C-alpha cells in the first residue's frame, strides 16, 4: 500500500463506525491482501442443505457460530448433521486476544460438539509463522511488545505486556497487536506516536476492521486501529513495516487446511473444503485465494439485512455460494 492510498482516507471515531466506513477501510487495505477468483454466487437458503457439496467446513466464529455472547440458531443442527455425514468442521477465527482454548471453552459451555484441537485462531497463525521462520529461530530474538488492554500476552523473557511493563514503547523492538477490547484514544495516541517516532516491525495477529455485535453495533478491531495509525504515519510520510497473519492472509488458512487434512486422513482438495463466513474481505477473499469454495452467510453477522450484493459489486469480491442462514 502506498502512503497516498490511505493518507486521505476518512476514518470515523471508533464509536461511530458504520458498515460503509468499514468497507472503505478494507478497500484501502486491499493492496496488502491476496487475490482471489470471482465466485458464481450460487444461492441456497441454508448451509445445511448443501453439505454434500463439500468434504469439510471451515467456519468463521463471529457472524457464523455466534454474534455477541450467544450461539446463532441452527449451529447445533449444522454441527450434528456434519458429524453424521463425516464432514469435519474446523473453526478459524481472527480473534487473537487469548489462546484458542478459551474460545473452545465457550463452545463447550454452549454444549456445541466442537473439538478444541479443531479451533484455530490468527494468534495461532502468528505463533506458527513467526516462530517457525528459520531466520527468526537462528537470530537473537527481538523484544516483542504485545499490544492490547484485555489480552493474554505471550510469555518469555523477550515479551513485554502493554500496560504492565515499564518503558514499554522504548524497550519493544517489534510489536504484535492481539486485541482491541478496551483500546481507546489514549492508547491510540501513544501507539501512533511510537510508530511515527520510531518505526519498527508491526505484526497484526487480528486483521479484522470490525466484528458484528448484538443490536447491529460494529466494534473497532485491530485492523481499524492499525489503519488509523497508518493514516497518521502517512500524513508525515513515514513508511511502516506491517505484517498480517489472520484471514485473509495465507498463514491462517495453511493451519486450517493442515488440520483438515489430518481430520480427513488424506490429501485435501481445497475446492471441496468450504470457507464459511460473513465477511467479504477476510473470509471470502482469503478462502478464494487458497482455492477453497467460499460461502457467504447473509442473515447473521456483517451483512445481516440482505445488503451484501451492493458491497460485492463495490469490492469486486464474490463468493461461490450466498446462503441466507445455517
Protein backbone atom coordinates (compact mmCIF):
# COMPACT_ATOMS: atom_id res chain seq x y z
CA UNK A 1 0.00 0.00 0.00
CA UNK A 2 1.31 3.45 -0.85
CA UNK A 3 1.12 6.33 1.59
CA UNK A 4 -1.19 8.21 -0.77
CA UNK A 5 -3.74 5.38 -0.73
CA UNK A 6 -4.50 5.79 2.96
CA UNK A 7 -3.39 9.35 3.66
CA UNK A 8 -6.73 10.85 2.60
CA UNK A 9 -8.97 8.08 3.90
CA UNK A 10 -11.74 9.38 6.15
CA UNK A 11 -11.80 7.18 9.25
CA UNK A 12 -14.51 8.00 11.82
CA UNK A 13 -14.21 7.60 15.57
CA UNK A 14 -14.44 4.04 16.87
CA UNK A 15 -17.88 4.55 18.38
CA UNK A 16 -19.23 5.97 15.10
CA UNK A 17 -18.28 3.11 12.78
CA UNK A 18 -20.82 2.25 10.09
CA UNK A 19 -20.68 -0.54 7.55
CA UNK A 20 -19.83 1.89 4.74
CA UNK A 21 -16.85 3.11 6.75
CA UNK A 22 -15.68 -0.43 7.42
CA UNK A 23 -15.82 -1.37 3.75
CA UNK A 24 -13.86 1.75 2.76
CA UNK A 25 -11.15 0.89 5.28
CA UNK A 26 -10.96 -2.66 3.93
CA UNK A 27 -10.75 -1.23 0.39
CA UNK A 28 -7.83 0.97 1.44
CA UNK A 29 -6.07 -2.06 2.94
CA UNK A 30 -6.84 -4.21 -0.12
CA UNK A 31 -3.40 -3.80 -1.78
CA UNK A 32 -1.86 -5.79 1.08
CA UNK A 33 -4.38 -8.63 0.66
CA UNK A 34 -4.14 -11.71 -1.59
CA UNK A 35 -6.04 -12.05 -4.84
CA UNK A 36 -8.95 -14.45 -5.26
CA UNK A 37 -11.23 -15.60 -8.04
CA UNK A 38 -14.74 -14.35 -8.71
CA UNK A 39 -17.30 -16.80 -7.39
CA UNK A 40 -20.55 -17.74 -9.11
CA UNK A 41 -22.79 -16.59 -6.23
CA UNK A 42 -24.99 -19.68 -6.30
CA UNK A 43 -27.83 -19.30 -3.83
CA UNK A 44 -29.19 -21.56 -1.12
CA UNK A 45 -31.47 -20.94 1.81
CA UNK A 46 -29.45 -22.94 4.35
CA UNK A 47 -25.89 -24.14 4.59
CA UNK A 48 -27.09 -27.47 5.96
CA UNK A 49 -28.88 -28.13 2.65
CA UNK A 50 -25.66 -28.01 0.59
CA UNK A 51 -23.38 -30.02 2.90
CA UNK A 52 -22.96 -32.73 0.26
CA UNK A 53 -21.15 -30.21 -1.94
CA UNK A 54 -18.20 -30.34 0.45
CA UNK A 55 -15.84 -32.75 2.20
CA UNK A 56 -15.40 -30.42 5.16
CA UNK A 57 -16.23 -26.99 6.53
CA UNK A 58 -14.07 -24.19 7.88
CA UNK A 59 -16.31 -21.86 9.87
CA UNK A 60 -15.68 -18.29 10.90
CA UNK A 61 -16.58 -17.67 14.54
CA UNK A 62 -18.23 -14.27 14.91
CA UNK A 63 -21.12 -13.98 12.49
CA UNK A 64 -21.37 -17.73 11.83
CA UNK A 65 -21.21 -19.56 15.16
CA UNK A 66 -22.18 -16.63 17.36
CA UNK A 67 -22.94 -12.93 17.41
CA UNK A 68 -22.00 -11.37 20.72
CA UNK A 69 -22.14 -13.82 23.61
CA UNK A 70 -24.64 -16.33 22.30
CA UNK A 71 -24.73 -19.03 19.58
CA UNK A 72 -26.67 -18.47 16.38
CA UNK A 73 -29.82 -20.51 15.87
CA UNK A 74 -29.09 -23.56 13.75
CA UNK A 75 -25.44 -24.05 14.63
CA UNK A 76 -26.13 -27.17 16.70
CA UNK A 77 -28.13 -28.81 13.90
CA UNK A 78 -25.40 -27.95 11.39
CA UNK A 79 -22.63 -29.44 13.53
CA UNK A 80 -24.60 -32.61 14.31
CA UNK A 81 -25.55 -33.14 10.67
CA UNK A 82 -21.98 -32.55 9.51
CA UNK A 83 -20.79 -35.14 12.02
CA UNK A 84 -23.34 -37.71 10.80
CA UNK A 85 -22.17 -37.12 7.24
CA UNK A 86 -18.49 -37.39 8.28
CA UNK A 87 -17.79 -33.80 7.25
CA UNK A 88 -15.12 -32.37 9.59
CA UNK A 89 -15.72 -28.86 10.92
CA UNK A 90 -12.79 -26.57 11.70
CA UNK A 91 -13.24 -23.16 13.35
CA UNK A 92 -10.93 -20.42 12.07
CA UNK A 93 -11.29 -17.14 13.95
CA UNK A 94 -9.44 -13.86 13.72
CA UNK A 95 -9.94 -13.38 17.45
CA UNK A 96 -6.44 -13.43 18.92
CA UNK A 97 -6.64 -11.77 22.34
CA UNK A 98 -6.49 -15.14 24.12
CA UNK A 99 -5.38 -18.70 23.30
CA UNK A 100 -7.78 -20.80 21.23
CA UNK A 101 -8.54 -22.95 24.28
CA UNK A 102 -10.53 -20.08 25.73
CA UNK A 103 -12.71 -19.94 22.62
CA UNK A 104 -13.17 -23.69 22.84
CA UNK A 105 -14.29 -23.39 26.47
CA UNK A 106 -17.02 -21.02 25.33
CA UNK A 107 -18.26 -23.55 22.79
CA UNK A 108 -18.19 -26.31 25.38
CA UNK A 109 -20.27 -24.15 27.71
CA UNK A 110 -22.83 -23.88 24.90
CA UNK A 111 -22.60 -27.69 24.52
CA UNK A 112 -21.51 -27.39 20.90
CA UNK A 113 -19.77 -30.56 19.62
CA UNK A 114 -16.53 -28.85 18.58
CA UNK A 115 -13.16 -30.36 19.45
CA UNK A 116 -10.62 -27.98 20.99
CA UNK A 117 -7.99 -29.18 18.53
CA UNK A 118 -10.30 -28.01 15.72
CA UNK A 119 -10.42 -24.41 16.96
CA UNK A 120 -7.72 -22.29 15.33
CA UNK A 121 -7.07 -18.58 15.50
CA UNK A 122 -4.99 -15.83 13.97
CA UNK A 123 -2.99 -15.93 17.21
CA UNK A 124 -2.03 -19.50 16.31
CA UNK A 125 -1.14 -18.36 12.80
CA UNK A 126 1.16 -15.65 14.16
CA UNK A 127 2.89 -18.04 16.54
CA UNK A 128 3.36 -20.72 13.87
CA UNK A 129 4.63 -18.27 11.26
CA UNK A 130 6.80 -16.07 13.44
CA UNK A 131 8.50 -18.77 15.44
CA UNK A 132 8.67 -21.17 12.53
CA UNK A 133 10.76 -18.91 10.34
CA UNK A 134 14.35 -20.20 10.16
CA UNK A 135 15.74 -16.66 10.19
CA UNK A 136 13.86 -16.00 13.42
CA UNK A 137 14.98 -19.25 15.00
CA UNK A 138 18.64 -18.64 14.18
CA UNK A 139 18.98 -14.98 15.13
CA UNK A 140 18.72 -13.37 18.53
CA UNK A 141 15.02 -12.95 19.20
CA UNK A 142 13.83 -9.36 19.31
CA UNK A 143 11.98 -7.85 22.25
CA UNK A 144 8.29 -8.14 21.30
CA UNK A 145 5.69 -5.82 22.74
CA UNK A 146 2.22 -7.40 22.95
CA UNK A 147 -0.49 -4.82 22.26
CA UNK A 148 -3.94 -4.86 23.82
CA UNK A 149 -5.67 -3.76 27.01
CA UNK A 150 -7.52 -7.03 27.56
CA UNK A 151 -5.32 -9.80 26.20
CA UNK A 152 -3.17 -12.68 27.37
CA UNK A 153 0.35 -11.69 26.27
CA UNK A 154 2.89 -14.22 25.15
CA UNK A 155 5.25 -15.25 27.92
CA UNK A 156 9.02 -15.28 27.97
CA UNK A 157 11.94 -13.00 28.67
CA UNK A 158 11.67 -11.33 25.26
CA UNK A 159 7.96 -10.44 25.55
CA UNK A 160 6.53 -7.26 27.03
CA UNK A 161 2.93 -6.63 28.07
CA UNK A 162 1.31 -3.31 27.18
CA UNK A 163 0.07 -1.50 30.27
CA UNK A 164 2.16 -3.66 32.62
CA UNK A 165 5.84 -3.41 31.66
CA UNK A 166 7.58 -0.11 32.29
CA UNK A 167 9.13 1.74 29.35
CA UNK A 168 7.10 -0.48 27.03
CA UNK A 169 7.42 1.67 23.91
CA UNK A 170 11.13 2.28 24.43
CA UNK A 171 12.00 -1.38 25.03
CA UNK A 172 9.85 -3.01 22.32
CA UNK A 173 11.86 -3.69 19.17
CA UNK A 174 8.83 -5.15 17.40
CA UNK A 175 5.11 -5.11 18.19
CA UNK A 176 2.25 -7.57 17.80
CA UNK A 177 -1.37 -6.36 18.01
CA UNK A 178 -3.55 -9.10 19.53
CA UNK A 179 -6.82 -7.47 20.58
CA UNK A 180 -8.67 -4.17 20.82
CA UNK A 181 -11.19 -4.66 23.66
CA UNK A 182 -10.72 -1.65 25.90
CA UNK A 183 -8.39 0.07 23.43
CA UNK A 184 -9.19 3.79 23.35
CA UNK A 185 -8.00 7.17 22.21
CA UNK A 186 -5.26 7.49 24.85
CA UNK A 187 -3.82 4.13 23.78
CA UNK A 188 -4.06 5.10 20.14
CA UNK A 189 -2.24 8.40 20.64
CA UNK A 190 0.64 6.54 22.29
CA UNK A 191 0.61 3.87 19.56
CA UNK A 192 0.77 6.41 16.76
CA UNK A 193 3.48 8.47 18.44
CA UNK A 194 5.62 5.35 18.98
CA UNK A 195 5.24 4.13 15.40
CA UNK A 196 5.88 7.55 13.86
CA UNK A 197 8.74 8.49 16.17
CA UNK A 198 10.43 5.09 15.84
CA UNK A 199 9.03 2.86 13.09
CA UNK A 200 9.52 -0.83 13.79
CA UNK A 201 8.03 -4.11 12.52
CA UNK A 202 4.35 -4.36 13.45
CA UNK A 203 2.65 -7.76 13.39
CA UNK A 204 -1.15 -7.72 13.17
CA UNK A 205 -2.45 -11.00 14.55
CA UNK A 206 -6.07 -9.93 14.04
CA UNK A 207 -6.60 -8.04 10.74
CA UNK A 208 -10.35 -7.52 11.32
CA UNK A 209 -11.50 -3.93 10.98
CA UNK A 210 -14.71 -4.76 12.84
CA UNK A 211 -16.74 -7.57 14.36
CA UNK A 212 -20.57 -7.69 14.40
CA UNK A 213 -22.17 -7.29 17.81
CA UNK A 214 -25.68 -7.68 19.19
CA UNK A 215 -28.05 -4.96 18.03
CA UNK A 216 -26.12 -4.25 14.86
CA UNK A 217 -23.26 -2.46 16.61
CA UNK A 218 -19.83 -2.71 14.99
CA UNK A 219 -16.80 -2.97 17.26
CA UNK A 220 -13.44 -1.45 16.36
CA UNK A 221 -10.87 -4.23 15.96
CA UNK A 222 -7.06 -4.14 15.49
CA UNK A 223 -7.39 -3.61 11.72
CA UNK A 224 -9.30 -0.39 12.38
CA UNK A 225 -6.74 0.99 14.84
CA UNK A 226 -3.89 -0.05 12.56
CA UNK A 227 -5.48 1.78 9.63
CA UNK A 228 -5.70 4.89 11.80
CA UNK A 229 -2.03 4.60 12.71
CA UNK A 230 -1.13 4.12 9.04
CA UNK A 231 -3.09 7.24 8.12
CA UNK A 232 -1.33 9.27 10.83
CA UNK A 233 2.05 7.96 9.67
CA UNK A 234 1.24 8.66 6.03
CA UNK A 235 0.39 12.27 6.83
CA UNK A 236 4.01 12.60 7.97
CA UNK A 237 5.38 10.49 5.09
CA UNK A 238 6.58 7.78 7.48
CA UNK A 239 6.65 4.32 5.90
CA UNK A 240 5.60 1.35 8.04
CA UNK A 241 6.59 -2.33 8.04
CA UNK A 242 3.30 -4.12 8.74
CA UNK A 243 2.89 -7.90 8.61
CA UNK A 244 -0.54 -9.56 8.67
CA UNK A 245 -1.39 -13.07 9.90
CA UNK A 246 -5.13 -13.82 10.22
CA UNK A 247 -7.74 -14.11 7.49
CA UNK A 248 -7.45 -13.26 4.58
CA UNK A 249 -3.72 -13.97 4.74
CA UNK A 250 -2.18 -17.34 3.95
CA UNK A 251 -0.75 -18.31 7.39
CA UNK A 252 -4.23 -18.74 8.89
CA UNK A 253 -5.56 -20.84 6.02
CA UNK A 254 -2.45 -23.01 5.95
CA UNK A 255 -3.15 -24.01 9.55
CA UNK A 256 -6.81 -24.75 8.84
CA UNK A 257 -6.08 -26.87 5.77
CA UNK A 258 -3.35 -28.79 7.58
CA UNK A 259 -5.82 -29.59 10.35
CA UNK A 260 -8.50 -30.54 7.80
CA UNK A 261 -6.10 -32.95 6.11
CA UNK A 262 -5.42 -34.59 9.47
CA UNK A 263 -9.15 -34.91 10.16
CA UNK A 264 -9.92 -36.36 6.74
CA UNK A 265 -6.93 -38.70 6.76
CA UNK A 266 -5.96 -37.96 3.17
CA UNK A 267 -4.77 -35.13 0.94
CA UNK A 268 -7.20 -32.25 0.77
CA UNK A 269 -8.79 -30.98 -2.42
CA UNK A 270 -9.18 -27.34 -1.43
CA UNK A 271 -12.12 -26.95 -3.82
CA UNK A 272 -14.05 -29.48 -1.72
CA UNK A 273 -13.50 -27.52 1.50
CA UNK A 274 -15.92 -24.68 2.24
CA UNK A 275 -14.77 -21.46 3.88
CA UNK A 276 -17.94 -20.18 5.53
CA UNK A 277 -18.01 -16.61 6.79
CA UNK A 278 -19.81 -13.30 6.96
CA UNK A 279 -17.03 -11.01 5.67
CA UNK A 280 -16.03 -10.46 2.05
CA UNK A 281 -12.51 -9.16 2.69
CA UNK A 282 -11.45 -11.74 5.28
CA UNK A 283 -13.40 -15.00 4.89
CA UNK A 284 -14.35 -14.93 1.21
CA UNK A 285 -11.25 -13.31 -0.30
CA UNK A 286 -8.90 -15.35 1.85
CA UNK A 287 -10.65 -18.65 1.21
CA UNK A 288 -10.76 -18.00 -2.51
CA UNK A 289 -7.06 -17.11 -2.60
CA UNK A 290 -6.11 -20.60 -1.39
CA UNK A 291 -8.55 -22.34 -3.74
CA UNK A 292 -11.32 -23.14 -1.27
CA UNK A 293 -15.02 -22.91 -2.14
CA UNK A 294 -16.44 -19.88 -0.36
CA UNK A 295 -19.82 -19.47 1.32
CA UNK A 296 -21.13 -16.09 2.49
CA UNK A 297 -23.73 -16.07 5.29
CA UNK A 298 -26.03 -13.07 4.94
CA UNK A 299 -28.70 -13.24 7.66
CA UNK A 300 -26.21 -13.01 10.53
CA UNK A 301 -23.07 -11.01 11.03
CA UNK A 302 -21.66 -8.19 8.95
CA UNK A 303 -24.26 -8.15 6.16
CA UNK A 304 -27.38 -9.02 8.12
CA UNK A 305 -30.38 -7.41 6.44
CA UNK A 306 -29.77 -8.57 2.87
CA UNK A 307 -27.29 -5.85 1.91
CA UNK A 308 -24.38 -7.99 0.74
CA UNK A 309 -24.92 -7.69 -3.02
CA UNK A 310 -24.11 -3.98 -3.25
CA UNK A 311 -20.86 -4.50 -1.35
CA UNK A 312 -19.92 -7.39 -3.62
CA UNK A 313 -20.20 -5.01 -6.56
CA UNK A 314 -18.14 -2.23 -4.98
CA UNK A 315 -15.46 -4.59 -3.66
CA UNK A 316 -15.35 -6.98 -6.62
CA UNK A 317 -15.34 -9.90 -4.17
CA UNK A 318 -17.92 -12.58 -4.98
CA UNK A 319 -18.39 -15.88 -3.09
CA UNK A 320 -19.13 -19.22 -4.71
CA UNK A 321 -22.29 -19.53 -2.60
CA UNK A 322 -24.57 -17.00 -0.97
CA UNK A 323 -26.51 -18.60 1.86
CA UNK A 324 -29.17 -17.00 4.00
CA UNK A 325 -28.57 -18.93 7.21
CA UNK A 326 -27.12 -22.10 8.71
